[in-house]
N, C-alpha and C. Protein backbone atom coordinates (compact mmCIF):
# COMPACT_ATOMS: atom_id res chain seq x y z
N MET A 1 42.60 -29.49 -30.58
CA MET A 1 42.53 -28.81 -29.31
C MET A 1 42.33 -27.31 -29.55
N ILE A 2 41.50 -26.71 -28.77
CA ILE A 2 41.20 -25.28 -28.83
C ILE A 2 41.89 -24.60 -27.65
N GLN A 3 42.44 -23.44 -27.89
CA GLN A 3 43.09 -22.68 -26.83
C GLN A 3 42.41 -21.32 -26.67
N LEU A 4 42.26 -20.90 -25.44
CA LEU A 4 41.79 -19.55 -25.12
C LEU A 4 42.92 -18.81 -24.44
N SER A 5 43.09 -17.55 -24.78
CA SER A 5 44.04 -16.73 -24.04
C SER A 5 43.38 -16.39 -22.70
N PRO A 6 44.17 -15.99 -21.71
CA PRO A 6 43.57 -15.59 -20.44
C PRO A 6 42.55 -14.45 -20.60
N SER A 7 42.83 -13.50 -21.49
CA SER A 7 41.88 -12.40 -21.67
C SER A 7 40.60 -12.87 -22.35
N ALA A 8 40.68 -13.83 -23.28
CA ALA A 8 39.47 -14.39 -23.91
C ALA A 8 38.66 -15.16 -22.87
N ALA A 9 39.33 -15.92 -22.04
CA ALA A 9 38.62 -16.68 -20.99
C ALA A 9 37.90 -15.72 -20.03
N ASN A 10 38.57 -14.64 -19.66
CA ASN A 10 37.94 -13.67 -18.75
C ASN A 10 36.71 -13.03 -19.40
N GLU A 11 36.80 -12.70 -20.68
CA GLU A 11 35.66 -12.08 -21.36
C GLU A 11 34.52 -13.07 -21.53
N ILE A 12 34.82 -14.31 -21.83
CA ILE A 12 33.76 -15.32 -21.95
C ILE A 12 33.08 -15.52 -20.59
N ARG A 13 33.86 -15.58 -19.51
CA ARG A 13 33.26 -15.68 -18.17
C ARG A 13 32.36 -14.48 -17.88
N ARG A 14 32.82 -13.28 -18.25
CA ARG A 14 32.02 -12.08 -18.01
C ARG A 14 30.71 -12.15 -18.77
N LEU A 15 30.76 -12.54 -20.05
CA LEU A 15 29.54 -12.66 -20.85
C LEU A 15 28.64 -13.77 -20.33
N LYS A 16 29.25 -14.87 -19.92
CA LYS A 16 28.48 -16.01 -19.41
C LYS A 16 27.75 -15.65 -18.12
N SER A 17 28.34 -14.78 -17.31
CA SER A 17 27.72 -14.40 -16.03
C SER A 17 26.40 -13.67 -16.23
N LYS A 18 26.19 -13.14 -17.43
CA LYS A 18 24.95 -12.43 -17.75
C LYS A 18 23.89 -13.35 -18.33
N GLN A 19 24.22 -14.65 -18.47
CA GLN A 19 23.32 -15.62 -19.06
C GLN A 19 22.66 -16.46 -17.96
N HIS A 20 21.78 -17.34 -18.37
CA HIS A 20 21.19 -18.34 -17.48
C HIS A 20 22.33 -19.17 -16.90
N PRO A 21 22.23 -19.63 -15.65
CA PRO A 21 23.36 -20.32 -15.03
C PRO A 21 23.81 -21.61 -15.74
N ASN A 22 22.92 -22.34 -16.38
CA ASN A 22 23.28 -23.61 -17.00
C ASN A 22 23.47 -23.47 -18.51
N VAL A 23 24.40 -22.61 -18.90
CA VAL A 23 24.66 -22.43 -20.33
C VAL A 23 26.04 -22.96 -20.68
N LEU A 24 26.15 -23.40 -21.91
CA LEU A 24 27.43 -23.84 -22.46
C LEU A 24 27.87 -22.82 -23.51
N PHE A 25 29.17 -22.67 -23.63
CA PHE A 25 29.75 -21.79 -24.63
C PHE A 25 29.97 -22.59 -25.90
N ARG A 26 29.38 -22.14 -27.00
CA ARG A 26 29.48 -22.85 -28.28
C ARG A 26 30.33 -22.04 -29.25
N LEU A 27 31.25 -22.74 -29.91
CA LEU A 27 32.07 -22.16 -30.96
C LEU A 27 31.80 -22.97 -32.22
N ALA A 28 31.43 -22.30 -33.29
CA ALA A 28 31.12 -22.98 -34.54
C ALA A 28 31.75 -22.23 -35.70
N VAL A 29 31.93 -22.94 -36.79
CA VAL A 29 32.36 -22.34 -38.05
C VAL A 29 31.21 -22.52 -39.02
N LYS A 30 30.82 -21.42 -39.66
CA LYS A 30 29.68 -21.46 -40.58
C LYS A 30 30.07 -20.86 -41.92
N PRO A 31 29.43 -21.33 -42.99
CA PRO A 31 29.74 -20.75 -44.30
C PRO A 31 29.24 -19.31 -44.37
N GLY A 32 30.04 -18.45 -44.97
CA GLY A 32 29.66 -17.05 -45.14
C GLY A 32 30.81 -16.13 -44.81
N GLY A 33 30.49 -14.88 -44.60
CA GLY A 33 31.51 -13.89 -44.30
C GLY A 33 32.26 -13.47 -45.56
N CYS A 34 33.19 -12.59 -45.41
CA CYS A 34 33.94 -12.04 -46.53
C CYS A 34 34.86 -13.05 -47.20
N SER A 35 35.35 -14.03 -46.44
CA SER A 35 36.35 -14.95 -46.97
C SER A 35 35.85 -16.39 -47.15
N GLY A 36 34.60 -16.64 -46.89
CA GLY A 36 34.06 -17.98 -47.12
C GLY A 36 33.57 -18.69 -45.87
N TRP A 37 34.23 -18.48 -44.74
CA TRP A 37 33.83 -19.08 -43.47
C TRP A 37 33.91 -18.03 -42.38
N TYR A 38 33.07 -18.16 -41.34
CA TYR A 38 33.19 -17.24 -40.22
C TYR A 38 32.98 -17.99 -38.90
N TYR A 39 33.53 -17.42 -37.85
CA TYR A 39 33.41 -17.99 -36.51
C TYR A 39 32.12 -17.47 -35.87
N ASP A 40 31.39 -18.37 -35.24
CA ASP A 40 30.16 -18.02 -34.56
C ASP A 40 30.27 -18.48 -33.11
N MET A 41 30.11 -17.56 -32.19
CA MET A 41 30.17 -17.88 -30.77
C MET A 41 28.82 -17.57 -30.15
N SER A 42 28.35 -18.48 -29.29
CA SER A 42 27.06 -18.27 -28.65
C SER A 42 27.00 -19.06 -27.34
N PHE A 43 25.97 -18.79 -26.59
CA PHE A 43 25.68 -19.56 -25.38
C PHE A 43 24.38 -20.29 -25.61
N GLU A 44 24.30 -21.51 -25.10
CA GLU A 44 23.06 -22.26 -25.23
C GLU A 44 22.81 -23.06 -23.95
N GLN A 45 21.57 -23.32 -23.72
CA GLN A 45 21.18 -24.10 -22.56
C GLN A 45 21.76 -25.50 -22.68
N GLY A 46 22.48 -25.97 -21.68
CA GLY A 46 23.04 -27.32 -21.70
C GLY A 46 22.11 -28.28 -20.99
N LEU A 47 22.21 -29.53 -21.36
CA LEU A 47 21.47 -30.58 -20.68
C LEU A 47 22.36 -31.12 -19.57
N GLN A 48 21.74 -31.62 -18.50
CA GLN A 48 22.51 -32.28 -17.47
C GLN A 48 22.62 -33.75 -17.81
N VAL A 49 23.71 -34.38 -17.37
CA VAL A 49 23.89 -35.80 -17.62
C VAL A 49 22.65 -36.53 -17.10
N GLY A 50 22.04 -37.33 -17.95
CA GLY A 50 20.84 -38.07 -17.56
C GLY A 50 19.55 -37.40 -17.97
N ASP A 51 19.62 -36.14 -18.44
CA ASP A 51 18.41 -35.45 -18.89
C ASP A 51 17.90 -36.09 -20.17
N ASP A 52 16.62 -36.04 -20.34
CA ASP A 52 15.99 -36.49 -21.58
C ASP A 52 15.90 -35.28 -22.49
N PRO A 53 16.45 -35.33 -23.71
CA PRO A 53 16.38 -34.18 -24.61
C PRO A 53 14.95 -33.75 -24.91
N GLU A 54 13.98 -34.62 -24.65
CA GLU A 54 12.58 -34.28 -24.90
C GLU A 54 11.98 -33.45 -23.77
N GLY A 55 12.73 -33.28 -22.66
CA GLY A 55 12.24 -32.36 -21.65
C GLY A 55 12.14 -32.89 -20.24
N SER A 56 12.20 -34.18 -19.97
CA SER A 56 12.10 -34.64 -18.58
C SER A 56 13.49 -34.67 -17.98
N ALA A 57 13.72 -33.81 -17.02
CA ALA A 57 15.06 -33.64 -16.45
C ALA A 57 15.28 -34.57 -15.28
N SER A 58 16.54 -34.88 -15.03
CA SER A 58 16.91 -35.68 -13.87
C SER A 58 17.16 -34.74 -12.70
N SER A 59 17.29 -35.31 -11.53
CA SER A 59 17.54 -34.49 -10.35
C SER A 59 19.03 -34.45 -10.07
N GLY A 60 19.47 -33.49 -9.28
CA GLY A 60 20.87 -33.41 -8.89
C GLY A 60 21.64 -32.39 -9.70
N ASP A 61 22.86 -32.13 -9.26
CA ASP A 61 23.74 -31.17 -9.92
C ASP A 61 24.75 -31.90 -10.78
N ALA A 62 24.30 -32.50 -11.84
CA ALA A 62 25.19 -33.24 -12.74
C ALA A 62 25.90 -32.29 -13.68
N ALA A 63 26.94 -32.79 -14.33
CA ALA A 63 27.68 -32.00 -15.30
C ALA A 63 26.81 -31.69 -16.51
N LEU A 64 27.07 -30.55 -17.13
CA LEU A 64 26.33 -30.17 -18.33
C LEU A 64 26.91 -30.88 -19.53
N VAL A 65 26.05 -31.23 -20.46
CA VAL A 65 26.47 -31.88 -21.70
C VAL A 65 25.80 -31.18 -22.86
N PRO A 66 26.38 -31.24 -24.07
CA PRO A 66 25.74 -30.61 -25.23
C PRO A 66 24.45 -31.31 -25.60
N SER A 67 23.61 -30.63 -26.35
CA SER A 67 22.30 -31.16 -26.70
C SER A 67 22.34 -32.13 -27.87
N GLN A 68 23.44 -32.19 -28.60
CA GLN A 68 23.55 -33.09 -29.75
C GLN A 68 24.70 -34.07 -29.52
N ARG A 69 24.53 -35.28 -30.01
CA ARG A 69 25.52 -36.33 -29.77
C ARG A 69 26.80 -36.16 -30.59
N ASN A 70 26.74 -35.51 -31.71
CA ASN A 70 27.92 -35.39 -32.58
C ASN A 70 28.77 -34.17 -32.23
N GLU A 71 28.80 -33.80 -30.98
CA GLU A 71 29.57 -32.64 -30.54
C GLU A 71 30.63 -33.08 -29.54
N ARG A 72 31.68 -32.26 -29.45
CA ARG A 72 32.73 -32.51 -28.47
C ARG A 72 32.83 -31.32 -27.54
N ILE A 73 33.26 -31.60 -26.34
CA ILE A 73 33.48 -30.55 -25.35
C ILE A 73 34.97 -30.49 -25.04
N PHE A 74 35.54 -29.29 -25.17
CA PHE A 74 36.91 -29.03 -24.77
C PHE A 74 36.84 -28.13 -23.55
N GLU A 75 37.83 -28.23 -22.69
CA GLU A 75 37.85 -27.37 -21.53
C GLU A 75 39.16 -26.60 -21.49
N CYS A 76 39.04 -25.31 -21.26
CA CYS A 76 40.19 -24.43 -21.20
C CYS A 76 39.89 -23.35 -20.16
N TYR A 77 40.75 -23.18 -19.19
CA TYR A 77 40.54 -22.22 -18.11
C TYR A 77 39.17 -22.44 -17.45
N ASP A 78 38.80 -23.69 -17.24
CA ASP A 78 37.52 -24.06 -16.61
C ASP A 78 36.30 -23.61 -17.41
N ILE A 79 36.48 -23.35 -18.69
CA ILE A 79 35.35 -23.01 -19.57
C ILE A 79 35.15 -24.19 -20.51
N GLN A 80 33.93 -24.71 -20.53
CA GLN A 80 33.61 -25.78 -21.45
C GLN A 80 33.24 -25.17 -22.80
N ILE A 81 33.91 -25.64 -23.85
CA ILE A 81 33.68 -25.15 -25.21
C ILE A 81 33.07 -26.29 -26.01
N VAL A 82 31.86 -26.08 -26.52
CA VAL A 82 31.16 -27.09 -27.31
C VAL A 82 31.40 -26.80 -28.78
N ILE A 83 31.81 -27.84 -29.52
CA ILE A 83 32.07 -27.69 -30.95
C ILE A 83 31.41 -28.85 -31.68
N ASP A 84 30.65 -28.53 -32.71
CA ASP A 84 29.99 -29.58 -33.50
C ASP A 84 31.02 -30.27 -34.40
N ALA A 85 30.66 -31.47 -34.85
CA ALA A 85 31.59 -32.30 -35.63
C ALA A 85 32.05 -31.61 -36.91
N GLU A 86 31.17 -30.91 -37.60
CA GLU A 86 31.54 -30.24 -38.85
C GLU A 86 32.56 -29.12 -38.60
N SER A 87 32.36 -28.36 -37.53
CA SER A 87 33.27 -27.25 -37.21
C SER A 87 34.64 -27.74 -36.75
N LEU A 88 34.69 -28.94 -36.19
CA LEU A 88 35.98 -29.46 -35.70
C LEU A 88 37.04 -29.50 -36.78
N LYS A 89 36.62 -29.70 -38.02
CA LYS A 89 37.58 -29.76 -39.13
C LYS A 89 38.30 -28.43 -39.33
N TYR A 90 37.69 -27.34 -38.88
CA TYR A 90 38.23 -26.00 -39.15
C TYR A 90 38.86 -25.32 -37.93
N VAL A 91 38.79 -25.94 -36.77
CA VAL A 91 39.26 -25.25 -35.56
C VAL A 91 40.37 -25.98 -34.81
N ASN A 92 40.94 -27.03 -35.41
CA ASN A 92 42.02 -27.73 -34.74
C ASN A 92 43.20 -26.77 -34.56
N GLU A 93 43.68 -26.64 -33.35
CA GLU A 93 44.79 -25.75 -32.99
C GLU A 93 44.43 -24.27 -33.03
N LEU A 94 43.14 -23.95 -33.06
CA LEU A 94 42.69 -22.56 -33.05
C LEU A 94 42.99 -21.92 -31.69
N THR A 95 43.45 -20.69 -31.70
CA THR A 95 43.63 -19.90 -30.49
C THR A 95 42.69 -18.71 -30.56
N VAL A 96 41.92 -18.50 -29.50
CA VAL A 96 41.00 -17.37 -29.42
C VAL A 96 41.56 -16.39 -28.40
N ASP A 97 41.67 -15.15 -28.81
CA ASP A 97 42.18 -14.09 -27.93
C ASP A 97 41.11 -13.01 -27.83
N TYR A 98 41.25 -12.14 -26.85
CA TYR A 98 40.36 -10.99 -26.72
C TYR A 98 41.22 -9.78 -26.42
N SER A 99 40.95 -8.69 -27.11
CA SER A 99 41.70 -7.46 -26.83
C SER A 99 40.78 -6.26 -27.02
N GLU A 100 41.17 -5.20 -26.38
CA GLU A 100 40.43 -3.95 -26.50
C GLU A 100 41.35 -2.90 -27.10
N ASP A 101 40.77 -2.06 -27.94
CA ASP A 101 41.52 -0.95 -28.52
C ASP A 101 40.60 0.27 -28.54
N LEU A 102 40.98 1.30 -29.25
CA LEU A 102 40.19 2.53 -29.27
C LEU A 102 38.80 2.33 -29.87
N MET A 103 38.65 1.31 -30.70
CA MET A 103 37.36 1.03 -31.34
C MET A 103 36.48 0.10 -30.51
N GLY A 104 36.98 -0.36 -29.37
CA GLY A 104 36.22 -1.28 -28.53
C GLY A 104 36.92 -2.62 -28.43
N GLY A 105 36.25 -3.57 -27.81
CA GLY A 105 36.84 -4.89 -27.62
C GLY A 105 36.35 -5.88 -28.65
N GLY A 106 37.13 -6.92 -28.82
CA GLY A 106 36.72 -7.95 -29.76
C GLY A 106 37.57 -9.19 -29.65
N PHE A 107 37.00 -10.30 -30.06
CA PHE A 107 37.71 -11.56 -30.09
C PHE A 107 38.55 -11.63 -31.36
N ARG A 108 39.73 -12.21 -31.22
CA ARG A 108 40.63 -12.40 -32.35
C ARG A 108 40.89 -13.90 -32.47
N PHE A 109 40.94 -14.38 -33.70
CA PHE A 109 41.10 -15.80 -33.97
C PHE A 109 42.40 -16.05 -34.71
N TYR A 110 43.21 -16.96 -34.18
CA TYR A 110 44.48 -17.33 -34.80
C TYR A 110 44.37 -18.80 -35.17
N ASN A 111 44.17 -19.04 -36.47
CA ASN A 111 43.89 -20.38 -36.97
C ASN A 111 45.00 -20.80 -37.94
N PRO A 112 45.78 -21.83 -37.59
CA PRO A 112 46.89 -22.23 -38.45
C PRO A 112 46.46 -22.81 -39.80
N ILE A 113 45.20 -23.23 -39.94
CA ILE A 113 44.79 -23.79 -41.24
C ILE A 113 44.20 -22.74 -42.18
N SER A 114 44.00 -21.52 -41.70
CA SER A 114 43.46 -20.49 -42.60
C SER A 114 44.58 -19.96 -43.48
N ASN A 115 44.25 -19.76 -44.75
CA ASN A 115 45.25 -19.20 -45.65
C ASN A 115 44.96 -17.75 -45.99
N ALA A 116 43.80 -17.24 -45.58
CA ALA A 116 43.45 -15.83 -45.75
C ALA A 116 42.40 -15.46 -44.72
N THR A 117 42.48 -14.24 -44.24
CA THR A 117 41.47 -13.73 -43.31
C THR A 117 40.97 -12.39 -43.80
N CYS A 118 39.77 -12.07 -43.39
CA CYS A 118 39.17 -10.79 -43.74
C CYS A 118 39.70 -9.72 -42.78
N GLY A 119 39.55 -8.48 -43.15
CA GLY A 119 39.96 -7.38 -42.28
C GLY A 119 39.24 -7.36 -40.95
N CYS A 120 38.03 -7.90 -40.90
CA CYS A 120 37.27 -7.94 -39.65
C CYS A 120 37.85 -8.96 -38.68
N GLY A 121 38.60 -9.94 -39.20
CA GLY A 121 39.22 -10.95 -38.35
C GLY A 121 38.31 -12.11 -38.01
N ASN A 122 37.05 -12.06 -38.38
CA ASN A 122 36.12 -13.14 -38.05
C ASN A 122 35.85 -14.06 -39.22
N SER A 123 36.33 -13.72 -40.39
CA SER A 123 36.08 -14.50 -41.58
C SER A 123 37.42 -15.00 -42.12
N PHE A 124 37.40 -16.24 -42.65
CA PHE A 124 38.64 -16.82 -43.14
C PHE A 124 38.36 -17.79 -44.28
N SER A 125 39.43 -18.18 -44.95
CA SER A 125 39.32 -19.22 -45.98
C SER A 125 40.44 -20.22 -45.74
N THR A 126 40.24 -21.42 -46.30
CA THR A 126 41.23 -22.48 -46.17
C THR A 126 41.43 -23.15 -47.52
N THR A 127 42.42 -23.99 -47.60
CA THR A 127 42.63 -24.77 -48.82
C THR A 127 41.89 -26.10 -48.73
N GLN A 128 41.26 -26.37 -47.61
CA GLN A 128 40.52 -27.63 -47.42
C GLN A 128 39.24 -27.62 -48.21
């Protein structure tokens, strides 16, 4: 399960409002960064239930679904979070927060499986 703090949810909503209306919020873990893995957040066009991934869309206001079958959707504060199967191994019980300081705003990640994090806060390592 993924958790968003209220401030993270508000910031994601703010960023999402600047996107195309039918976008999904994607959270992924990718190899790289200072500590071996880093968090990647993005918005992507979602498919509607019944849409053909090849491009022929269905009619109606159906719920959005991810574009790949091996993904899961979590919902927190009415925000759908799409996570691919590979990233799920690294984000169980992850909490995402957002805070602002004198240097600007940024997302903070609190991951119980990480054993080290980089000073930037976006890169981590695990014993897995």
